[in-house]
Amino acid sequence: MPITACLQAGATASYGTVEESCNYSDKFLQASLMIRRYASGETLIEAYWKSVRSPGQGLFIGEPLARPWGP
């Protein structure tokens, strides 16, 4: 399913890897860390990038400045 379908259905953003030749866990986000940071008031892009150790092979799509729980 293309990510554009998720965005059209109401998703705010998504992050995924652009190269699948290896499964290094550092290039995938830690969901519990991302949700905790996002819910504590960080923007979506801040929460995503801080929850991925090696974001070099990833792609973020969506509204990076979303902050529904911000101060």
PDB file of N, CA and C in Angstrom:
ATOM      1  N   MET A   1       0.846  -1.171   0.000  1.00  0.00           N
ATOM      2  CA  MET A   1       0.000   0.000   0.000  1.00  0.00           C
ATOM      3  C   MET A   1       0.895   1.238   0.000  1.00  0.00           C
ATOM      4  N   PRO A   2       0.679   2.153  -0.905  1.00  0.00           N
ATOM      5  CA  PRO A   2       1.505   3.361  -0.932  1.00  0.00           C
ATOM      6  C   PRO A   2       1.212   4.275   0.255  1.00  0.00           C
ATOM      7  N   ILE A   3       2.245   4.955   0.725  1.00  0.00           N
ATOM      8  CA  ILE A   3       2.075   5.854   1.864  1.00  0.00           C
ATOM      9  C   ILE A   3       1.117   6.987   1.530  1.00  0.00           C
ATOM     10  N   THR A   4       1.022   7.358   0.272  1.00  0.00           N
ATOM     11  CA  THR A   4       0.083   8.425  -0.089  1.00  0.00           C
ATOM     12  C   THR A   4      -1.354   8.052   0.257  1.00  0.00           C
ATOM     13  N   ALA A   5      -1.682   6.779   0.180  1.00  0.00           N
ATOM     14  CA  ALA A   5      -3.024   6.334   0.566  1.00  0.00           C
ATOM     15  C   ALA A   5      -3.242   6.534   2.061  1.00  0.00           C
ATOM     16  N   CYS A   6      -2.218   6.282   2.860  1.00  0.00           N
ATOM     17  CA  CYS A   6      -2.331   6.488   4.309  1.00  0.00           C
ATOM     18  C   CYS A   6      -2.505   7.967   4.628  1.00  0.00           C
ATOM     19  N   LEU A   7      -1.753   8.814   3.946  1.00  0.00           N
ATOM     20  CA  LEU A   7      -1.870  10.254   4.178  1.00  0.00           C
ATOM     21  C   LEU A   7      -3.245  10.766   3.769  1.00  0.00           C
ATOM     22  N   GLN A   8      -3.761  10.274   2.647  1.00  0.00           N
ATOM     23  CA  GLN A   8      -5.096  10.678   2.202  1.00  0.00           C
ATOM     24  C   GLN A   8      -6.171  10.202   3.164  1.00  0.00           C
ATOM     25  N   ALA A   9      -5.914   9.096   3.860  1.00  0.00           N
ATOM     26  CA  ALA A   9      -6.883   8.560   4.810  1.00  0.00           C
ATOM     27  C   ALA A   9      -6.799   9.237   6.176  1.00  0.00           C
ATOM     28  N   GLY A  10      -5.819  10.136   6.356  1.00  0.00           N
ATOM     29  CA  GLY A  10      -5.767  10.883   7.602  1.00  0.00           C
ATOM     30  C   GLY A  10      -4.503  10.738   8.421  1.00  0.00           C
ATOM     31  N   ALA A  11      -3.552   9.915   8.005  1.00  0.00           N
ATOM     32  CA  ALA A  11      -2.293   9.801   8.746  1.00  0.00           C
ATOM     33  C   ALA A  11      -1.552  11.125   8.683  1.00  0.00           C
ATOM     34  N   THR A  12      -0.894  11.496   9.743  1.00  0.00           N
ATOM     35  CA  THR A  12      -0.147  12.743   9.775  1.00  0.00           C
ATOM     36  C   THR A  12       1.195  12.590   9.079  1.00  0.00           C
ATOM     37  N   ALA A  13       1.843  11.438   9.263  1.00  0.00           N
ATOM     38  CA  ALA A  13       3.161  11.216   8.675  1.00  0.00           C
ATOM     39  C   ALA A  13       3.518   9.739   8.739  1.00  0.00           C
ATOM     40  N   SER A  14       4.626   9.423   8.090  1.00  0.00           N
ATOM     41  CA  SER A  14       5.155   8.067   8.153  1.00  0.00           C
ATOM     42  C   SER A  14       6.657   8.119   7.928  1.00  0.00           C
ATOM     43  N   TYR A  15       7.341   7.096   8.401  1.00  0.00           N
ATOM     44  CA  TYR A  15       8.781   6.974   8.227  1.00  0.00           C
ATOM     45  C   TYR A  15       9.062   5.545   7.811  1.00  0.00           C
ATOM     46  N   GLY A  16       9.922   5.378   6.836  1.00  0.00           N
ATOM     47  CA  GLY A  16      10.285   4.038   6.402  1.00  0.00           C
ATOM     48  C   GLY A  16      11.668   4.041   5.799  1.00  0.00           C
ATOM     49  N   THR A  17      12.229   2.867   5.640  1.00  0.00           N
ATOM     50  CA  THR A  17      13.553   2.761   5.057  1.00  0.00           C
ATOM     51  C   THR A  17      13.454   2.792   3.540  1.00  0.00           C
ATOM     52  N   VAL A  18      14.468   3.320   2.904  1.00  0.00           N
ATOM     53  CA  VAL A  18      14.488   3.392   1.447  1.00  0.00           C
ATOM     54  C   VAL A  18      15.373   2.321   0.839  1.00  0.00           C
ATOM     55  N   GLU A  19      16.096   1.608   1.672  1.00  0.00           N
ATOM     56  CA  GLU A  19      16.963   0.533   1.201  1.00  0.00           C
ATOM     57  C   GLU A  19      16.782  -0.662   2.118  1.00  0.00           C
ATOM     58  N   GLU A  20      16.356  -1.763   1.584  1.00  0.00           N
ATOM     59  CA  GLU A  20      16.028  -2.941   2.388  1.00  0.00           C
ATOM     60  C   GLU A  20      17.044  -4.072   2.260  1.00  0.00           C
ATOM     61  N   SER A  21      18.247  -3.752   1.804  1.00  0.00           N
ATOM     62  CA  SER A  21      19.219  -4.830   1.598  1.00  0.00           C
ATOM     63  C   SER A  21      19.755  -5.416   2.905  1.00  0.00           C
ATOM     64  N   CYS A  22      19.566  -4.720   4.000  1.00  0.00           N
ATOM     65  CA  CYS A  22      19.999  -5.235   5.302  1.00  0.00           C
ATOM     66  C   CYS A  22      18.965  -4.841   6.354  1.00  0.00           C
ATOM     67  N   ASN A  23      18.981  -5.552   7.461  1.00  0.00           N
ATOM     68  CA  ASN A  23      17.977  -5.274   8.493  1.00  0.00           C
ATOM     69  C   ASN A  23      18.620  -4.770   9.784  1.00  0.00           C
ATOM     70  N   TYR A  24      19.523  -3.800   9.679  1.00  0.00           N
ATOM     71  CA  TYR A  24      20.112  -3.202  10.863  1.00  0.00           C
ATOM     72  C   TYR A  24      19.020  -2.513  11.667  1.00  0.00           C
ATOM     73  N   SER A  25      18.901  -2.886  12.909  1.00  0.00           N
ATOM     74  CA  SER A  25      17.821  -2.327  13.726  1.00  0.00           C
ATOM     75  C   SER A  25      17.978  -0.829  13.971  1.00  0.00           C
ATOM     76  N   ASP A  26      19.198  -0.305  13.861  1.00  0.00           N
ATOM     77  CA  ASP A  26      19.411   1.124  14.103  1.00  0.00           C
ATOM     78  C   ASP A  26      18.753   2.022  13.063  1.00  0.00           C
ATOM     79  N   LYS A  27      18.399   1.481  11.902  1.00  0.00           N
ATOM     80  CA  LYS A  27      17.780   2.332  10.885  1.00  0.00           C
ATOM     81  C   LYS A  27      16.256   2.352  10.984  1.00  0.00           C
ATOM     82  N   PHE A  28      15.692   1.605  11.921  1.00  0.00           N
ATOM     83  CA  PHE A  28      14.246   1.608  12.157  1.00  0.00           C
ATOM     84  C   PHE A  28      13.963   2.371  13.443  1.00  0.00           C
ATOM     85  N   LEU A  29      12.861   3.110  13.471  1.00  0.00           N
ATOM     86  CA  LEU A  29      12.562   3.889  14.668  1.00  0.00           C
ATOM     87  C   LEU A  29      12.127   3.007  15.826  1.00  0.00           C
ATOM     88  N   GLN A  30      12.384   3.507  17.025  1.00  0.00           N
ATOM     89  CA  GLN A  30      11.916   2.852  18.241  1.00  0.00           C
ATOM     90  C   GLN A  30      10.567   3.476  18.570  1.00  0.00           C
ATOM     91  N   ALA A  31       9.491   2.753  18.287  1.00  0.00           N
ATOM     92  CA  ALA A  31       8.138   3.311  18.387  1.00  0.00           C
ATOM     93  C   ALA A  31       7.814   3.835  19.781  1.00  0.00           C
ATOM     94  N   SER A  32       8.190   3.115  20.817  1.00  0.00           N
ATOM     95  CA  SER A  32       7.854   3.564  22.173  1.00  0.00           C
ATOM     96  C   SER A  32       8.547   4.882  22.499  1.00  0.00           C
ATOM     97  N   LEU A  33       9.769   5.054  22.053  1.00  0.00           N
ATOM     98  CA  LEU A  33      10.498   6.299  22.277  1.00  0.00           C
ATOM     99  C   LEU A  33       9.882   7.434  21.470  1.00  0.00           C
ATOM    100  N   MET A  34       9.528   7.166  20.225  1.00  0.00           N
ATOM    101  CA  MET A  34       8.928   8.195  19.380  1.00  0.00           C
ATOM    102  C   MET A  34       7.596   8.673  19.948  1.00  0.00           C
ATOM    103  N   ILE A  35       6.740   7.758  20.338  1.00  0.00           N
ATOM    104  CA  ILE A  35       5.429   8.121  20.894  1.00  0.00           C
ATOM    105  C   ILE A  35       5.588   8.925  22.184  1.00  0.00           C
ATOM    106  N   ARG A  36       6.513   8.504  23.035  1.00  0.00           N
ATOM    107  CA  ARG A  36       6.737   9.222  24.302  1.00  0.00           C
ATOM    108  C   ARG A  36       7.193  10.665  24.041  1.00  0.00           C
ATOM    109  N   ARG A  37       8.109  10.852  23.115  1.00  0.00           N
ATOM    110  CA  ARG A  37       8.604  12.198  22.798  1.00  0.00           C
ATOM    111  C   ARG A  37       7.507  13.046  22.157  1.00  0.00           C
ATOM    112  N   TYR A  38       6.765  12.458  21.236  1.00  0.00           N
ATOM    113  CA  TYR A  38       5.688  13.178  20.542  1.00  0.00           C
ATOM    114  C   TYR A  38       4.609  13.602  21.531  1.00  0.00           C
ATOM    115  N   ALA A  39       4.213  12.704  22.402  1.00  0.00           N
ATOM    116  CA  ALA A  39       3.175  12.999  23.392  1.00  0.00           C
ATOM    117  C   ALA A  39       3.644  14.012  24.436  1.00  0.00           C
ATOM    118  N   SER A  40       4.962  14.141  24.604  1.00  0.00           N
ATOM    119  CA  SER A  40       5.472  15.099  25.588  1.00  0.00           C
ATOM    120  C   SER A  40       5.592  16.509  25.017  1.00  0.00           C
ATOM    121  N   GLY A  41       5.262  16.688  23.716  1.00  0.00           N
ATOM    122  CA  GLY A  41       5.219  18.022  23.154  1.00  0.00           C
ATOM    123  C   GLY A  41       6.200  18.321  22.040  1.00  0.00           C
ATOM    124  N   GLU A  42       7.065  17.362  21.675  1.00  0.00           N
ATOM    125  CA  GLU A  42       7.981  17.611  20.570  1.00  0.00           C
ATOM    126  C   GLU A  42       7.223  17.578  19.252  1.00  0.00           C
ATOM    127  N   THR A  43       7.767  18.256  18.240  1.00  0.00           N
ATOM    128  CA  THR A  43       7.153  18.165  16.925  1.00  0.00           C
ATOM    129  C   THR A  43       7.348  16.750  16.397  1.00  0.00           C
ATOM    130  N   LEU A  44       6.580  16.400  15.398  1.00  0.00           N
ATOM    131  CA  LEU A  44       6.654  15.057  14.841  1.00  0.00           C
ATOM    132  C   LEU A  44       8.039  14.743  14.291  1.00  0.00           C
ATOM    133  N   ILE A  45       8.649  15.681  13.592  1.00  0.00           N
ATOM    134  CA  ILE A  45       9.970  15.420  13.025  1.00  0.00           C
ATOM    135  C   ILE A  45      11.027  15.278  14.120  1.00  0.00           C
ATOM    136  N   GLU A  46      10.926  16.073  15.197  1.00  0.00           N
ATOM    137  CA  GLU A  46      11.865  15.935  16.314  1.00  0.00           C
ATOM    138  C   GLU A  46      11.744  14.548  16.939  1.00  0.00           C
ATOM    139  N   ALA A  47      10.511  14.139  17.186  1.00  0.00           N
ATOM    140  CA  ALA A  47      10.288  12.834  17.803  1.00  0.00           C
ATOM    141  C   ALA A  47      10.778  11.689  16.920  1.00  0.00           C
ATOM    142  N   TYR A  48      10.541  11.788  15.611  1.00  0.00           N
ATOM    143  CA  TYR A  48      10.998  10.745  14.694  1.00  0.00           C
ATOM    144  C   TYR A  48      12.516  10.664  14.664  1.00  0.00           C
ATOM    145  N   TRP A  49      13.184  11.779  14.421  1.00  0.00           N
ATOM    146  CA  TRP A  49      14.636  11.740  14.269  1.00  0.00           C
ATOM    147  C   TRP A  49      15.338  11.350  15.556  1.00  0.00           C
ATOM    148  N   LYS A  50      14.785  11.671  16.698  1.00  0.00           N
ATOM    149  CA  LYS A  50      15.406  11.294  17.963  1.00  0.00           C
ATOM    150  C   LYS A  50      15.159   9.835  18.327  1.00  0.00           C
ATOM    151  N   SER A  51      14.291   9.158  17.591  1.00  0.00           N
ATOM    152  CA  SER A  51      14.011   7.747  17.891  1.00  0.00           C
ATOM    153  C   SER A  51      14.652   6.797  16.884  1.00  0.00           C
ATOM    154  N   VAL A  52      15.457   7.334  15.960  1.00  0.00           N
ATOM    155  CA  VAL A  52      16.159   6.524  14.968  1.00  0.00           C
ATOM    156  C   VAL A  52      17.651   6.768  15.145  1.00  0.00           C
ATOM    157  N   ARG A  53      18.427   5.721  15.366  1.00  0.00           N
ATOM    158  CA  ARG A  53      19.866   5.899  15.572  1.00  0.00           C
ATOM    159  C   ARG A  53      20.614   6.194  14.276  1.00  0.00           C
ATOM    160  N   SER A  54      20.222   5.580  13.180  1.00  0.00           N
ATOM    161  CA  SER A  54      20.896   5.770  11.893  1.00  0.00           C
ATOM    162  C   SER A  54      19.862   6.129  10.826  1.00  0.00           C
ATOM    163  N   PRO A  55      19.456   7.395  10.754  1.00  0.00           N
ATOM    164  CA  PRO A  55      18.389   7.778   9.829  1.00  0.00           C
ATOM    165  C   PRO A  55      18.825   7.940   8.375  1.00  0.00           C
ATOM    166  N   GLY A  56      20.075   7.623   8.055  1.00  0.00           N
ATOM    167  CA  GLY A  56      20.583   7.844   6.711  1.00  0.00           C
ATOM    168  C   GLY A  56      19.861   7.088   5.611  1.00  0.00           C
ATOM    169  N   GLN A  57      19.240   5.959   5.913  1.00  0.00           N
ATOM    170  CA  GLN A  57      18.533   5.181   4.905  1.00  0.00           C
ATOM    171  C   GLN A  57      17.022   5.273   5.084  1.00  0.00           C
ATOM    172  N   GLY A  58      16.558   6.349   5.700  1.00  0.00           N
ATOM    173  CA  GLY A  58      15.132   6.486   5.943  1.00  0.00           C
ATOM    174  C   GLY A  58      14.519   7.656   5.209  1.00  0.00           C
ATOM    175  N   LEU A  59      13.206   7.625   5.118  1.00  0.00           N
ATOM    176  CA  LEU A  59      12.465   8.679   4.441  1.00  0.00           C
ATOM    177  C   LEU A  59      11.259   9.052   5.295  1.00  0.00           C
ATOM    178  N   PHE A  60      11.164  10.330   5.635  1.00  0.00           N
ATOM    179  CA  PHE A  60      10.043  10.857   6.399  1.00  0.00           C
ATOM    180  C   PHE A  60       9.100  11.530   5.422  1.00  0.00           C
ATOM    181  N   ILE A  61       7.819  11.224   5.508  1.00  0.00           N
ATOM    182  CA  ILE A  61       6.807  11.837   4.656  1.00  0.00           C
ATOM    183  C   ILE A  61       5.678  12.330   5.555  1.00  0.00           C
ATOM    184  N   GLY A  62       5.230  13.547   5.345  1.00  0.00           N
ATOM    185  CA  GLY A  62       4.098  14.059   6.105  1.00  0.00           C
ATOM    186  C   GLY A  62       4.329  15.470   6.613  1.00  0.00           C
ATOM    187  N   GLU A  63       3.630  15.846   7.664  1.00  0.00           N
ATOM    188  CA  GLU A  63       3.698  17.187   8.246  1.00  0.00           C
ATOM    189  C   GLU A  63       4.722  17.197   9.387  1.00  0.00           C
ATOM    190  N   PRO A  64       5.929  17.672   9.125  1.00  0.00           N
ATOM    191  CA  PRO A  64       6.984  17.590  10.133  1.00  0.00           C
ATOM    192  C   PRO A  64       6.755  18.446  11.375  1.00  0.00           C
ATOM    193  N   LEU A  65       5.996  19.520  11.255  1.00  0.00           N
ATOM    194  CA  LEU A  65       5.801  20.410  12.394  1.00  0.00           C
ATOM    195  C   LEU A  65       4.542  20.126  13.196  1.00  0.00           C
ATOM    196  N   ALA A  66       3.888  18.994  12.942  1.00  0.00           N
ATOM    197  CA  ALA A  66       2.695  18.624  13.723  1.00  0.00           C
ATOM    198  C   ALA A  66       3.090  18.515  15.193  1.00  0.00           C
ATOM    199  N   ARG A  67       2.268  19.129  16.043  1.00  0.00           N
ATOM    200  CA  ARG A  67       2.536  19.111  17.498  1.00  0.00           C
ATOM    201  C   ARG A  67       1.205  19.227  18.239  1.00  0.00           C
ATOM    202  N   PRO A  68       0.397  18.158  18.235  1.00  0.00           N
ATOM    203  CA  PRO A  68      -0.913  18.253  18.875  1.00  0.00           C
ATOM    204  C   PRO A  68      -0.861  18.373  20.403  1.00  0.00           C
ATOM    205  N   TRP A  69       0.255  17.949  21.022  1.00  0.00           N
ATOM    206  CA  TRP A  69       0.341  18.011  22.473  1.00  0.00           C
ATOM    207  C   TRP A  69       1.391  19.005  22.925  1.00  0.00           C
ATOM    208  N   GLY A  70       1.708  19.980  22.067  1.00  0.00           N
ATOM    209  CA  GLY A  70       2.746  20.953  22.389  1.00  0.00           C
ATOM    210  C   GLY A  70       2.311  21.969  23.437  1.00  0.00           C
ATOM    211  N   PRO A  71       3.310  22.619  24.022  1.00  0.00           N
ATOM    212  CA  PRO A  71       3.005  23.636  25.038  1.00  0.00           C
ATOM    213  C   PRO A  71       2.408  24.888  24.434  1.00  0.00           C
TER     214      PRO A  71
END
